[in-house]
Amino acid sequence: MATRPELILASASPRRLALLNQIGIEPEHLVPAHVDETPERGELGRKLAIRLAQSKAMTTQHKAHQSGIADNALVLGADTVVAVGRRILPKAETMEEAATSLRLLSGRSHRVYTGLCLLSASGQVRNRLVETKIRFKRLSAKEIESYLASAEWRGKAGGYAIQGIAGAFVQKLSGSYHAVVGLPLYETVALLTGAGYPVHFNWLNQSALSGV
């Protein structure tokens, strides 16, 4: 009888973990990967999102093997990229970066690319890309100043977190809200199920524990 595969999440993001928990999945291991996220020359957002998701998954798989954990594990990596046209916006680390991104996003549409990569223990690679189009309202100087003061932007692609205060900036969203937060749920379940991870078994266990 085949051993049930374990799941390693290649991220330290509490948002991604919370989204997995939302669909009844608790990874057996959290092994964050730190990779260079600098875009290559001429690289578009969609390609960068997939490349970084795969790089994170591979880095984490290597770390896991070195640590001697989860020889039969699946490794899930993800990355989110915000782009206006061909311009990729940074994951804001300074107030200046966040302010520049917000001014650029104000009153216009942009795209959020979320890449997923699932690695099997045998080396099989499964990738998915989810594209979401978002339009922001025109932001006043006071709105930008107040949002910057919240510090919610720190470390966020494009300088904003849609699940927080910045949700009030969104006039229109076409695509996956969860992908913008950090992990598209439909595509994640499809990848895991296709690789033999017992997503639905976890749901049955949750039902039993809750007495339903």
N, C-alpha and C. Protein backbone atom coordinates (compact mmCIF):
# COMPACT_ATOMS: atom_id res chain seq x y z
N MET A 1 0.85 -1.20 0.00
CA MET A 1 0.00 0.00 0.00
C MET A 1 0.88 1.24 0.00
N ALA A 2 0.62 2.18 -0.87
CA ALA A 2 1.44 3.37 -0.99
C ALA A 2 1.27 4.25 0.24
N THR A 3 2.38 4.87 0.68
CA THR A 3 2.33 5.78 1.82
C THR A 3 1.72 7.10 1.38
N ARG A 4 0.86 7.65 2.21
CA ARG A 4 0.24 8.93 1.90
C ARG A 4 1.31 10.01 1.85
N PRO A 5 1.37 10.78 0.76
CA PRO A 5 2.41 11.82 0.66
C PRO A 5 2.17 12.94 1.67
N GLU A 6 3.26 13.47 2.19
CA GLU A 6 3.18 14.64 3.05
C GLU A 6 3.27 15.89 2.17
N LEU A 7 2.96 17.03 2.75
CA LEU A 7 3.01 18.29 2.01
C LEU A 7 3.93 19.27 2.72
N ILE A 8 4.85 19.84 1.93
CA ILE A 8 5.74 20.89 2.42
C ILE A 8 5.35 22.18 1.73
N LEU A 9 5.09 23.22 2.50
CA LEU A 9 4.81 24.53 1.94
C LEU A 9 6.10 25.34 1.91
N ALA A 10 6.48 25.76 0.70
CA ALA A 10 7.74 26.50 0.52
C ALA A 10 7.51 27.99 0.75
N SER A 11 7.01 28.33 1.93
CA SER A 11 6.68 29.72 2.20
C SER A 11 6.57 29.94 3.70
N ALA A 12 6.89 31.16 4.12
CA ALA A 12 6.68 31.57 5.52
C ALA A 12 5.47 32.49 5.61
N SER A 13 4.74 32.64 4.50
CA SER A 13 3.62 33.58 4.45
C SER A 13 2.44 33.08 5.28
N PRO A 14 2.02 33.84 6.28
CA PRO A 14 0.83 33.44 7.04
C PRO A 14 -0.43 33.46 6.19
N ARG A 15 -0.43 34.29 5.15
CA ARG A 15 -1.60 34.35 4.27
C ARG A 15 -1.75 33.04 3.50
N ARG A 16 -0.66 32.53 2.95
CA ARG A 16 -0.75 31.27 2.18
C ARG A 16 -1.13 30.11 3.09
N LEU A 17 -0.58 30.08 4.28
CA LEU A 17 -0.94 29.01 5.21
C LEU A 17 -2.41 29.10 5.59
N ALA A 18 -2.90 30.31 5.83
CA ALA A 18 -4.31 30.48 6.18
C ALA A 18 -5.22 30.05 5.03
N LEU A 19 -4.81 30.32 3.79
CA LEU A 19 -5.62 29.91 2.65
C LEU A 19 -5.65 28.39 2.50
N LEU A 20 -4.52 27.74 2.74
CA LEU A 20 -4.51 26.27 2.74
C LEU A 20 -5.43 25.73 3.84
N ASN A 21 -5.33 26.32 5.01
CA ASN A 21 -6.18 25.89 6.12
C ASN A 21 -7.65 26.08 5.78
N GLN A 22 -7.97 27.13 5.02
CA GLN A 22 -9.36 27.41 4.64
C GLN A 22 -9.96 26.25 3.85
N ILE A 23 -9.12 25.58 3.04
CA ILE A 23 -9.62 24.45 2.25
C ILE A 23 -9.27 23.11 2.91
N GLY A 24 -9.06 23.16 4.23
CA GLY A 24 -8.91 21.93 5.00
C GLY A 24 -7.56 21.26 4.90
N ILE A 25 -6.52 22.02 4.53
CA ILE A 25 -5.19 21.44 4.36
C ILE A 25 -4.23 22.04 5.39
N GLU A 26 -3.55 21.18 6.11
CA GLU A 26 -2.52 21.59 7.07
C GLU A 26 -1.21 20.94 6.64
N PRO A 27 -0.28 21.71 6.05
CA PRO A 27 0.99 21.12 5.60
C PRO A 27 1.73 20.47 6.76
N GLU A 28 2.37 19.35 6.49
CA GLU A 28 3.15 18.68 7.54
C GLU A 28 4.41 19.47 7.89
N HIS A 29 4.91 20.23 6.91
CA HIS A 29 6.15 20.99 7.13
C HIS A 29 6.06 22.36 6.48
N LEU A 30 6.62 23.37 7.13
CA LEU A 30 6.79 24.70 6.56
C LEU A 30 8.29 24.93 6.41
N VAL A 31 8.74 25.01 5.17
CA VAL A 31 10.17 25.21 4.90
C VAL A 31 10.30 26.37 3.92
N PRO A 32 10.39 27.59 4.44
CA PRO A 32 10.46 28.76 3.55
C PRO A 32 11.72 28.77 2.72
N ALA A 33 11.61 29.31 1.52
CA ALA A 33 12.75 29.42 0.60
C ALA A 33 13.02 30.89 0.34
N HIS A 34 14.27 31.27 0.41
CA HIS A 34 14.66 32.65 0.13
C HIS A 34 15.46 32.65 -1.17
N VAL A 35 14.89 33.24 -2.20
CA VAL A 35 15.53 33.26 -3.52
C VAL A 35 15.62 34.70 -4.01
N ASP A 36 16.51 34.92 -4.96
CA ASP A 36 16.63 36.24 -5.58
C ASP A 36 15.41 36.47 -6.47
N GLU A 37 14.64 37.50 -6.16
CA GLU A 37 13.40 37.76 -6.89
C GLU A 37 13.56 38.84 -7.95
N THR A 38 14.78 39.20 -8.27
CA THR A 38 15.03 40.23 -9.28
C THR A 38 14.62 39.73 -10.66
N PRO A 39 13.78 40.47 -11.37
CA PRO A 39 13.39 40.04 -12.73
C PRO A 39 14.60 40.02 -13.66
N GLU A 40 14.61 39.07 -14.57
CA GLU A 40 15.65 39.05 -15.59
C GLU A 40 15.35 40.13 -16.63
N ARG A 41 16.37 40.52 -17.36
CA ARG A 41 16.18 41.58 -18.34
C ARG A 41 15.11 41.21 -19.36
N GLY A 42 14.10 42.08 -19.48
CA GLY A 42 13.02 41.86 -20.44
C GLY A 42 11.98 40.85 -19.99
N GLU A 43 12.12 40.33 -18.78
CA GLU A 43 11.20 39.30 -18.29
C GLU A 43 9.84 39.90 -17.97
N LEU A 44 8.78 39.24 -18.43
CA LEU A 44 7.42 39.70 -18.17
C LEU A 44 6.90 39.09 -16.86
N GLY A 45 5.85 39.72 -16.32
CA GLY A 45 5.32 39.30 -15.04
C GLY A 45 4.88 37.86 -14.98
N ARG A 46 4.23 37.37 -16.01
CA ARG A 46 3.72 36.00 -16.01
C ARG A 46 4.87 34.99 -15.95
N LYS A 47 5.95 35.27 -16.67
CA LYS A 47 7.09 34.36 -16.65
C LYS A 47 7.81 34.41 -15.31
N LEU A 48 7.92 35.61 -14.75
CA LEU A 48 8.59 35.76 -13.46
C LEU A 48 7.86 35.01 -12.36
N ALA A 49 6.53 35.09 -12.35
CA ALA A 49 5.76 34.43 -11.31
C ALA A 49 5.98 32.92 -11.32
N ILE A 50 5.98 32.31 -12.49
CA ILE A 50 6.22 30.87 -12.59
C ILE A 50 7.66 30.52 -12.23
N ARG A 51 8.60 31.33 -12.72
CA ARG A 51 10.01 31.04 -12.44
C ARG A 51 10.30 31.09 -10.94
N LEU A 52 9.76 32.09 -10.26
CA LEU A 52 10.02 32.22 -8.83
C LEU A 52 9.31 31.13 -8.03
N ALA A 53 8.08 30.78 -8.42
CA ALA A 53 7.37 29.70 -7.73
C ALA A 53 8.16 28.39 -7.84
N GLN A 54 8.68 28.12 -9.03
CA GLN A 54 9.44 26.89 -9.24
C GLN A 54 10.77 26.94 -8.50
N SER A 55 11.42 28.10 -8.51
CA SER A 55 12.70 28.25 -7.82
C SER A 55 12.52 28.04 -6.31
N LYS A 56 11.44 28.59 -5.77
CA LYS A 56 11.17 28.42 -4.33
C LYS A 56 10.91 26.95 -4.00
N ALA A 57 10.12 26.29 -4.84
CA ALA A 57 9.81 24.88 -4.59
C ALA A 57 11.07 24.03 -4.64
N MET A 58 11.92 24.28 -5.62
CA MET A 58 13.14 23.49 -5.76
C MET A 58 14.12 23.75 -4.62
N THR A 59 14.23 25.02 -4.21
CA THR A 59 15.10 25.36 -3.09
C THR A 59 14.63 24.68 -1.81
N THR A 60 13.33 24.70 -1.59
CA THR A 60 12.77 24.06 -0.40
C THR A 60 12.93 22.55 -0.44
N GLN A 61 12.74 21.95 -1.62
CA GLN A 61 12.90 20.50 -1.73
C GLN A 61 14.34 20.11 -1.39
N HIS A 62 15.30 20.89 -1.86
CA HIS A 62 16.71 20.62 -1.55
C HIS A 62 16.96 20.74 -0.05
N LYS A 63 16.43 21.78 0.58
CA LYS A 63 16.59 21.97 2.02
C LYS A 63 15.96 20.82 2.80
N ALA A 64 14.80 20.37 2.34
CA ALA A 64 14.11 19.29 3.02
C ALA A 64 14.90 17.99 2.95
N HIS A 65 15.47 17.71 1.78
CA HIS A 65 16.30 16.51 1.62
C HIS A 65 17.52 16.57 2.52
N GLN A 66 18.14 17.75 2.60
CA GLN A 66 19.31 17.91 3.46
C GLN A 66 18.97 17.69 4.93
N SER A 67 17.73 18.06 5.29
CA SER A 67 17.30 17.91 6.68
C SER A 67 16.77 16.51 6.98
N GLY A 68 16.65 15.70 5.93
CA GLY A 68 16.19 14.34 6.11
C GLY A 68 14.71 14.20 6.41
N ILE A 69 13.92 15.19 5.97
CA ILE A 69 12.48 15.11 6.22
C ILE A 69 11.72 14.81 4.93
N ALA A 70 10.63 14.11 5.11
CA ALA A 70 9.64 13.93 4.06
C ALA A 70 10.20 13.45 2.73
N ASP A 71 10.74 12.23 2.74
CA ASP A 71 11.25 11.67 1.49
C ASP A 71 10.14 11.44 0.47
N ASN A 72 8.90 11.31 0.94
CA ASN A 72 7.78 11.07 0.05
C ASN A 72 6.90 12.31 -0.08
N ALA A 73 7.51 13.49 0.13
CA ALA A 73 6.70 14.71 0.22
C ALA A 73 6.49 15.40 -1.11
N LEU A 74 5.37 16.09 -1.19
CA LEU A 74 5.10 17.05 -2.26
C LEU A 74 5.51 18.42 -1.74
N VAL A 75 6.09 19.23 -2.61
CA VAL A 75 6.52 20.57 -2.23
C VAL A 75 5.73 21.59 -3.04
N LEU A 76 5.05 22.50 -2.35
CA LEU A 76 4.24 23.52 -3.00
C LEU A 76 4.90 24.89 -2.86
N GLY A 77 5.21 25.50 -4.02
CA GLY A 77 5.77 26.85 -4.04
C GLY A 77 4.83 27.79 -4.75
N ALA A 78 4.86 29.06 -4.36
CA ALA A 78 3.98 30.05 -4.98
C ALA A 78 4.65 31.42 -4.96
N ASP A 79 4.29 32.23 -5.95
CA ASP A 79 4.78 33.61 -5.96
C ASP A 79 3.77 34.49 -6.67
N THR A 80 3.68 35.74 -6.20
CA THR A 80 2.73 36.69 -6.75
C THR A 80 3.46 37.91 -7.29
N VAL A 81 3.12 38.29 -8.52
CA VAL A 81 3.78 39.41 -9.19
C VAL A 81 2.70 40.39 -9.65
N VAL A 82 2.94 41.68 -9.39
CA VAL A 82 2.03 42.73 -9.83
C VAL A 82 2.69 43.50 -10.96
N ALA A 83 1.94 43.72 -12.04
CA ALA A 83 2.51 44.40 -13.21
C ALA A 83 1.52 45.39 -13.80
N VAL A 84 2.06 46.51 -14.25
CA VAL A 84 1.30 47.49 -15.02
C VAL A 84 1.90 47.49 -16.41
N GLY A 85 1.18 46.93 -17.37
CA GLY A 85 1.76 46.74 -18.69
C GLY A 85 2.95 45.79 -18.58
N ARG A 86 4.09 46.21 -19.10
CA ARG A 86 5.29 45.38 -19.02
C ARG A 86 6.11 45.67 -17.76
N ARG A 87 5.68 46.65 -16.99
CA ARG A 87 6.44 47.06 -15.80
C ARG A 87 6.06 46.22 -14.59
N ILE A 88 7.04 45.58 -14.00
CA ILE A 88 6.83 44.77 -12.80
C ILE A 88 7.06 45.64 -11.57
N LEU A 89 6.08 45.68 -10.67
CA LEU A 89 6.21 46.47 -9.46
C LEU A 89 6.89 45.65 -8.36
N PRO A 90 7.69 46.30 -7.52
CA PRO A 90 8.43 45.56 -6.50
C PRO A 90 7.56 45.15 -5.33
N LYS A 91 8.08 44.21 -4.53
CA LYS A 91 7.50 43.93 -3.23
C LYS A 91 8.04 45.02 -2.31
N ALA A 92 7.18 45.95 -1.99
CA ALA A 92 7.63 47.19 -1.35
C ALA A 92 8.28 46.93 0.01
N GLU A 93 9.48 47.43 0.17
CA GLU A 93 10.20 47.34 1.44
C GLU A 93 10.41 48.71 2.06
N THR A 94 10.22 49.76 1.27
CA THR A 94 10.34 51.12 1.79
C THR A 94 9.07 51.89 1.47
N MET A 95 8.84 52.94 2.24
CA MET A 95 7.66 53.76 2.02
C MET A 95 7.70 54.40 0.64
N GLU A 96 8.88 54.74 0.17
CA GLU A 96 9.03 55.35 -1.15
C GLU A 96 8.61 54.39 -2.24
N GLU A 97 9.01 53.12 -2.11
CA GLU A 97 8.60 52.11 -3.10
C GLU A 97 7.09 51.93 -3.10
N ALA A 98 6.50 51.87 -1.92
CA ALA A 98 5.05 51.69 -1.83
C ALA A 98 4.33 52.90 -2.41
N ALA A 99 4.80 54.11 -2.11
CA ALA A 99 4.16 55.32 -2.62
C ALA A 99 4.21 55.38 -4.14
N THR A 100 5.36 55.03 -4.71
CA THR A 100 5.51 55.03 -6.16
C THR A 100 4.53 54.05 -6.80
N SER A 101 4.41 52.85 -6.21
CA SER A 101 3.50 51.85 -6.75
C SER A 101 2.05 52.31 -6.66
N LEU A 102 1.65 52.87 -5.54
CA LEU A 102 0.26 53.30 -5.36
C LEU A 102 -0.10 54.42 -6.33
N ARG A 103 0.82 55.34 -6.54
CA ARG A 103 0.55 56.43 -7.50
C ARG A 103 0.40 55.87 -8.92
N LEU A 104 1.18 54.85 -9.23
CA LEU A 104 1.11 54.24 -10.55
C LEU A 104 -0.20 53.47 -10.73
N LEU A 105 -0.66 52.81 -9.67
CA LEU A 105 -1.87 52.00 -9.73
C LEU A 105 -3.14 52.84 -9.68
N SER A 106 -3.05 54.05 -9.15
CA SER A 106 -4.20 54.91 -8.95
C SER A 106 -4.97 55.17 -10.25
N GLY A 107 -6.27 54.84 -10.24
CA GLY A 107 -7.14 55.15 -11.36
C GLY A 107 -6.92 54.34 -12.62
N ARG A 108 -6.22 53.22 -12.50
CA ARG A 108 -5.96 52.42 -13.70
C ARG A 108 -6.00 50.93 -13.38
N SER A 109 -5.94 50.13 -14.42
CA SER A 109 -5.97 48.67 -14.28
C SER A 109 -4.55 48.11 -14.22
N HIS A 110 -4.41 47.01 -13.51
CA HIS A 110 -3.13 46.29 -13.48
C HIS A 110 -3.43 44.79 -13.41
N ARG A 111 -2.40 44.00 -13.56
CA ARG A 111 -2.56 42.54 -13.54
C ARG A 111 -1.73 41.93 -12.42
N VAL A 112 -2.31 40.92 -11.80
CA VAL A 112 -1.63 40.17 -10.76
C VAL A 112 -1.43 38.75 -11.27
N TYR A 113 -0.19 38.31 -11.32
CA TYR A 113 0.14 36.96 -11.78
C TYR A 113 0.57 36.14 -10.57
N THR A 114 -0.10 35.02 -10.36
CA THR A 114 0.27 34.13 -9.27
C THR A 114 0.71 32.80 -9.86
N GLY A 115 1.96 32.46 -9.62
CA GLY A 115 2.51 31.21 -10.11
C GLY A 115 2.47 30.14 -9.03
N LEU A 116 2.16 28.91 -9.42
CA LEU A 116 2.18 27.76 -8.52
C LEU A 116 3.12 26.72 -9.08
N CYS A 117 3.85 26.05 -8.20
CA CYS A 117 4.68 24.93 -8.63
C CYS A 117 4.57 23.82 -7.59
N LEU A 118 4.25 22.62 -8.06
CA LEU A 118 4.17 21.46 -7.17
C LEU A 118 5.21 20.44 -7.63
N LEU A 119 6.12 20.09 -6.74
CA LEU A 119 7.17 19.11 -7.03
C LEU A 119 6.87 17.81 -6.31
N SER A 120 6.99 16.70 -7.01
CA SER A 120 6.84 15.40 -6.38
C SER A 120 8.21 14.89 -5.94
N ALA A 121 8.22 13.87 -5.10
CA ALA A 121 9.48 13.30 -4.63
C ALA A 121 10.27 12.69 -5.79
N SER A 122 9.55 12.27 -6.84
CA SER A 122 10.22 11.65 -7.99
C SER A 122 10.78 12.68 -8.97
N GLY A 123 10.51 13.96 -8.70
CA GLY A 123 11.04 15.02 -9.56
C GLY A 123 10.07 15.57 -10.57
N GLN A 124 8.83 15.10 -10.55
CA GLN A 124 7.83 15.63 -11.48
C GLN A 124 7.47 17.05 -11.11
N VAL A 125 7.37 17.92 -12.13
CA VAL A 125 7.08 19.33 -11.91
C VAL A 125 5.73 19.67 -12.52
N ARG A 126 4.85 20.25 -11.72
CA ARG A 126 3.55 20.71 -12.21
C ARG A 126 3.44 22.21 -11.93
N ASN A 127 3.20 23.00 -12.98
CA ASN A 127 3.09 24.44 -12.84
C ASN A 127 1.70 24.93 -13.23
N ARG A 128 1.27 26.00 -12.60
CA ARG A 128 0.04 26.68 -12.97
C ARG A 128 0.28 28.19 -12.86
N LEU A 129 -0.40 28.94 -13.72
CA LEU A 129 -0.34 30.39 -13.66
C LEU A 129 -1.76 30.93 -13.64
N VAL A 130 -2.04 31.82 -12.68
CA VAL A 130 -3.36 32.44 -12.58
C VAL A 130 -3.19 33.95 -12.77
N GLU A 131 -3.96 34.50 -13.69
CA GLU A 131 -3.89 35.93 -14.00
C GLU A 131 -5.18 36.61 -13.55
N THR A 132 -5.04 37.68 -12.79
CA THR A 132 -6.19 38.43 -12.29
C THR A 132 -6.03 39.90 -12.68
N LYS A 133 -7.10 40.48 -13.19
CA LYS A 133 -7.07 41.89 -13.58
C LYS A 133 -7.82 42.71 -12.54
N ILE A 134 -7.19 43.79 -12.09
CA ILE A 134 -7.76 44.64 -11.04
C ILE A 134 -7.73 46.10 -11.49
N ARG A 135 -8.80 46.81 -11.18
CA ARG A 135 -8.81 48.25 -11.42
C ARG A 135 -8.96 48.98 -10.09
N PHE A 136 -8.04 49.92 -9.85
CA PHE A 136 -8.10 50.74 -8.65
C PHE A 136 -8.88 52.02 -8.91
N LYS A 137 -9.54 52.53 -7.90
CA LYS A 137 -10.13 53.86 -7.96
C LYS A 137 -9.00 54.89 -8.03
N ARG A 138 -9.33 56.11 -8.35
CA ARG A 138 -8.33 57.17 -8.32
C ARG A 138 -8.08 57.54 -6.86
N LEU A 139 -6.85 57.39 -6.44
CA LEU A 139 -6.50 57.62 -5.04
C LEU A 139 -6.11 59.07 -4.80
N SER A 140 -6.64 59.65 -3.75
CA SER A 140 -6.26 61.01 -3.39
C SER A 140 -4.93 60.97 -2.65
N ALA A 141 -4.29 62.10 -2.55
CA ALA A 141 -3.03 62.19 -1.82
C ALA A 141 -3.23 61.78 -0.37
N LYS A 142 -4.37 62.15 0.21
CA LYS A 142 -4.65 61.80 1.61
C LYS A 142 -4.82 60.29 1.77
N GLU A 143 -5.49 59.65 0.81
CA GLU A 143 -5.67 58.20 0.89
C GLU A 143 -4.32 57.48 0.81
N ILE A 144 -3.47 57.93 -0.08
CA ILE A 144 -2.15 57.31 -0.20
C ILE A 144 -1.35 57.53 1.08
N GLU A 145 -1.37 58.76 1.58
CA GLU A 145 -0.62 59.08 2.80
C GLU A 145 -1.11 58.25 3.99
N SER A 146 -2.43 58.12 4.11
CA SER A 146 -3.01 57.36 5.22
C SER A 146 -2.68 55.87 5.09
N TYR A 147 -2.73 55.36 3.86
CA TYR A 147 -2.43 53.94 3.67
C TYR A 147 -0.96 53.65 3.98
N LEU A 148 -0.10 54.54 3.58
CA LEU A 148 1.33 54.36 3.88
C LEU A 148 1.55 54.33 5.38
N ALA A 149 0.81 55.15 6.11
CA ALA A 149 0.96 55.22 7.56
C ALA A 149 0.54 53.90 8.23
N SER A 150 -0.32 53.13 7.57
CA SER A 150 -0.79 51.86 8.14
C SER A 150 0.30 50.79 8.13
N ALA A 151 1.30 50.96 7.26
CA ALA A 151 2.40 49.98 7.10
C ALA A 151 1.92 48.62 6.59
N GLU A 152 0.66 48.54 6.14
CA GLU A 152 0.11 47.29 5.62
C GLU A 152 0.81 46.87 4.32
N TRP A 153 1.42 47.83 3.65
CA TRP A 153 2.05 47.62 2.35
C TRP A 153 3.37 46.86 2.43
N ARG A 154 3.96 46.82 3.61
CA ARG A 154 5.34 46.33 3.72
C ARG A 154 5.47 44.87 3.26
N GLY A 155 6.38 44.65 2.31
CA GLY A 155 6.62 43.30 1.81
C GLY A 155 5.59 42.79 0.83
N LYS A 156 4.64 43.66 0.44
CA LYS A 156 3.57 43.23 -0.46
C LYS A 156 3.87 43.62 -1.90
N ALA A 157 3.61 42.71 -2.83
CA ALA A 157 3.79 42.99 -4.25
C ALA A 157 2.89 44.15 -4.66
N GLY A 158 3.46 45.14 -5.31
CA GLY A 158 2.69 46.29 -5.73
C GLY A 158 2.41 47.28 -4.62
N GLY A 159 2.88 47.00 -3.41
CA GLY A 159 2.71 47.92 -2.30
C GLY A 159 1.33 47.93 -1.67
N TYR A 160 0.57 46.84 -1.83
CA TYR A 160 -0.75 46.80 -1.19
C TYR A 160 -1.15 45.37 -0.87
N ALA A 161 -2.08 45.24 0.10
CA ALA A 161 -2.65 43.95 0.48
C ALA A 161 -4.16 44.02 0.26
N ILE A 162 -4.66 43.29 -0.72
CA ILE A 162 -6.07 43.38 -1.08
C ILE A 162 -6.98 42.90 0.04
N GLN A 163 -6.50 42.00 0.90
CA GLN A 163 -7.32 41.46 1.97
C GLN A 163 -7.44 42.42 3.15
N GLY A 164 -6.76 43.57 3.07
CA GLY A 164 -6.81 44.55 4.14
C GLY A 164 -7.48 45.83 3.70
N ILE A 165 -6.94 46.94 4.18
CA ILE A 165 -7.50 48.25 3.91
C ILE A 165 -7.61 48.52 2.41
N ALA A 166 -6.61 48.07 1.64
CA ALA A 166 -6.57 48.35 0.21
C ALA A 166 -7.72 47.71 -0.56
N GLY A 167 -8.47 46.83 0.09
CA GLY A 167 -9.66 46.28 -0.56
C GLY A 167 -10.65 47.39 -0.93
N ALA A 168 -10.58 48.51 -0.20
CA ALA A 168 -11.47 49.63 -0.48
C ALA A 168 -11.06 50.39 -1.73
N PHE A 169 -9.87 50.11 -2.27
CA PHE A 169 -9.40 50.79 -3.48
C PHE A 169 -9.87 50.10 -4.75
N VAL A 170 -10.33 48.85 -4.63
CA VAL A 170 -10.62 48.02 -5.80
C VAL A 170 -12.00 48.32 -6.36
N GLN A 171 -12.03 48.85 -7.57
CA GLN A 171 -13.29 49.10 -8.27
C GLN A 171 -13.80 47.85 -8.98
N LYS A 172 -12.87 47.07 -9.52
CA LYS A 172 -13.27 45.90 -10.29
C LYS A 172 -12.17 44.85 -10.23
N LEU A 173 -12.60 43.59 -10.13
CA LEU A 173 -11.66 42.47 -10.11
C LEU A 173 -12.18 41.39 -11.03
N SER A 174 -11.34 40.95 -11.95
CA SER A 174 -11.69 39.87 -12.87
C SER A 174 -10.65 38.77 -12.74
N GLY A 175 -11.05 37.65 -12.16
CA GLY A 175 -10.10 36.55 -11.94
C GLY A 175 -10.28 35.97 -10.56
N SER A 176 -9.18 35.66 -9.90
CA SER A 176 -9.21 34.98 -8.60
C SER A 176 -8.77 35.92 -7.48
N TYR A 177 -9.71 36.23 -6.59
CA TYR A 177 -9.38 37.05 -5.41
C TYR A 177 -8.31 36.36 -4.56
N HIS A 178 -8.46 35.05 -4.34
CA HIS A 178 -7.53 34.32 -3.49
C HIS A 178 -6.12 34.30 -4.08
N ALA A 179 -6.04 34.30 -5.41
CA ALA A 179 -4.72 34.36 -6.05
C ALA A 179 -4.02 35.66 -5.72
N VAL A 180 -4.78 36.75 -5.66
CA VAL A 180 -4.19 38.05 -5.34
C VAL A 180 -3.71 38.06 -3.89
N VAL A 181 -4.46 37.41 -3.01
CA VAL A 181 -4.04 37.30 -1.61
C VAL A 181 -2.75 36.48 -1.52
N GLY A 182 -2.62 35.47 -2.39
CA GLY A 182 -1.37 34.70 -2.38
C GLY A 182 -1.46 33.26 -2.84
N LEU A 183 -2.69 32.70 -2.94
CA LEU A 183 -2.80 31.29 -3.32
C LEU A 183 -4.17 31.02 -3.94
N PRO A 184 -4.22 30.74 -5.26
CA PRO A 184 -5.50 30.43 -5.90
C PRO A 184 -5.99 29.05 -5.45
N LEU A 185 -7.17 29.01 -4.86
CA LEU A 185 -7.63 27.78 -4.21
C LEU A 185 -8.03 26.69 -5.20
N TYR A 186 -8.75 27.04 -6.24
CA TYR A 186 -9.17 26.04 -7.22
C TYR A 186 -7.97 25.34 -7.84
N GLU A 187 -7.01 26.13 -8.29
CA GLU A 187 -5.82 25.55 -8.95
C GLU A 187 -4.96 24.77 -7.97
N THR A 188 -4.91 25.21 -6.72
CA THR A 188 -4.13 24.49 -5.72
C THR A 188 -4.71 23.12 -5.45
N VAL A 189 -6.02 23.05 -5.28
CA VAL A 189 -6.67 21.76 -5.06
C VAL A 189 -6.49 20.84 -6.27
N ALA A 190 -6.61 21.40 -7.47
CA ALA A 190 -6.44 20.60 -8.68
C ALA A 190 -5.04 20.01 -8.76
N LEU A 191 -4.02 20.81 -8.46
CA LEU A 191 -2.64 20.33 -8.49
C LEU A 191 -2.43 19.22 -7.46
N LEU A 192 -2.87 19.45 -6.24
CA LEU A 192 -2.65 18.49 -5.16
C LEU A 192 -3.40 17.18 -5.43
N THR A 193 -4.64 17.29 -5.87
CA THR A 193 -5.42 16.08 -6.17
C THR A 193 -4.79 15.29 -7.31
N GLY A 194 -4.32 16.00 -8.34
CA GLY A 194 -3.68 15.33 -9.47
C GLY A 194 -2.39 14.62 -9.10
N ALA A 195 -1.75 15.09 -8.02
CA ALA A 195 -0.49 14.48 -7.58
C ALA A 195 -0.71 13.41 -6.50
N GLY A 196 -1.96 13.14 -6.17
CA GLY A 196 -2.25 12.07 -5.22
C GLY A 196 -2.34 12.50 -3.77
N TYR A 197 -2.37 13.82 -3.53
CA TYR A 197 -2.50 14.28 -2.14
C TYR A 197 -3.97 14.16 -1.72
N PRO A 198 -4.26 13.61 -0.53
CA PRO A 198 -5.65 13.29 -0.14
C PRO A 198 -6.41 14.50 0.38
N VAL A 199 -6.68 15.45 -0.50
CA VAL A 199 -7.40 16.66 -0.11
C VAL A 199 -8.76 16.31 0.48
N HIS A 200 -9.49 15.45 -0.20
CA HIS A 200 -10.85 15.14 0.24
C HIS A 200 -10.87 14.28 1.50
N PHE A 201 -9.83 13.49 1.73
CA PHE A 201 -9.70 12.73 2.97
C PHE A 201 -9.61 13.69 4.15
N ASN A 202 -8.88 14.78 3.95
CA ASN A 202 -8.78 15.80 5.00
C ASN A 202 -10.15 16.40 5.30
N TRP A 203 -10.96 16.61 4.26
CA TRP A 203 -12.30 17.17 4.46
C TRP A 203 -13.15 16.19 5.29
N LEU A 204 -13.05 14.90 4.97
CA LEU A 204 -13.82 13.90 5.72
C LEU A 204 -13.41 13.87 7.18
N ASN A 205 -12.11 14.01 7.43
CA ASN A 205 -11.62 14.02 8.81
C ASN A 205 -12.14 15.23 9.56
N GLN A 206 -12.16 16.38 8.87
CA GLN A 206 -12.66 17.59 9.52
C GLN A 206 -14.15 17.44 9.87
N SER A 207 -14.89 16.81 8.98
CA SER A 207 -16.31 16.59 9.21
C SER A 207 -16.52 15.70 10.44
N ALA A 208 -15.69 14.67 10.56
CA ALA A 208 -15.81 13.74 11.70
C ALA A 208 -15.46 14.45 13.01
N LEU A 209 -14.41 15.27 12.96
CA LEU A 209 -13.99 15.98 14.17
C LEU A 209 -15.01 17.01 14.64
N SER A 210 -15.72 17.60 13.67
CA SER A 210 -16.71 18.62 14.03
C SER A 210 -18.06 18.02 14.39
N GLY A 211 -18.18 16.70 14.21
CA GLY A 211 -19.41 16.04 14.57
C GLY A 211 -20.53 16.18 13.57
N VAL A 212 -20.18 16.61 12.33
CA VAL A 212 -21.19 16.79 11.29
C VAL A 212 -21.62 15.43 10.75
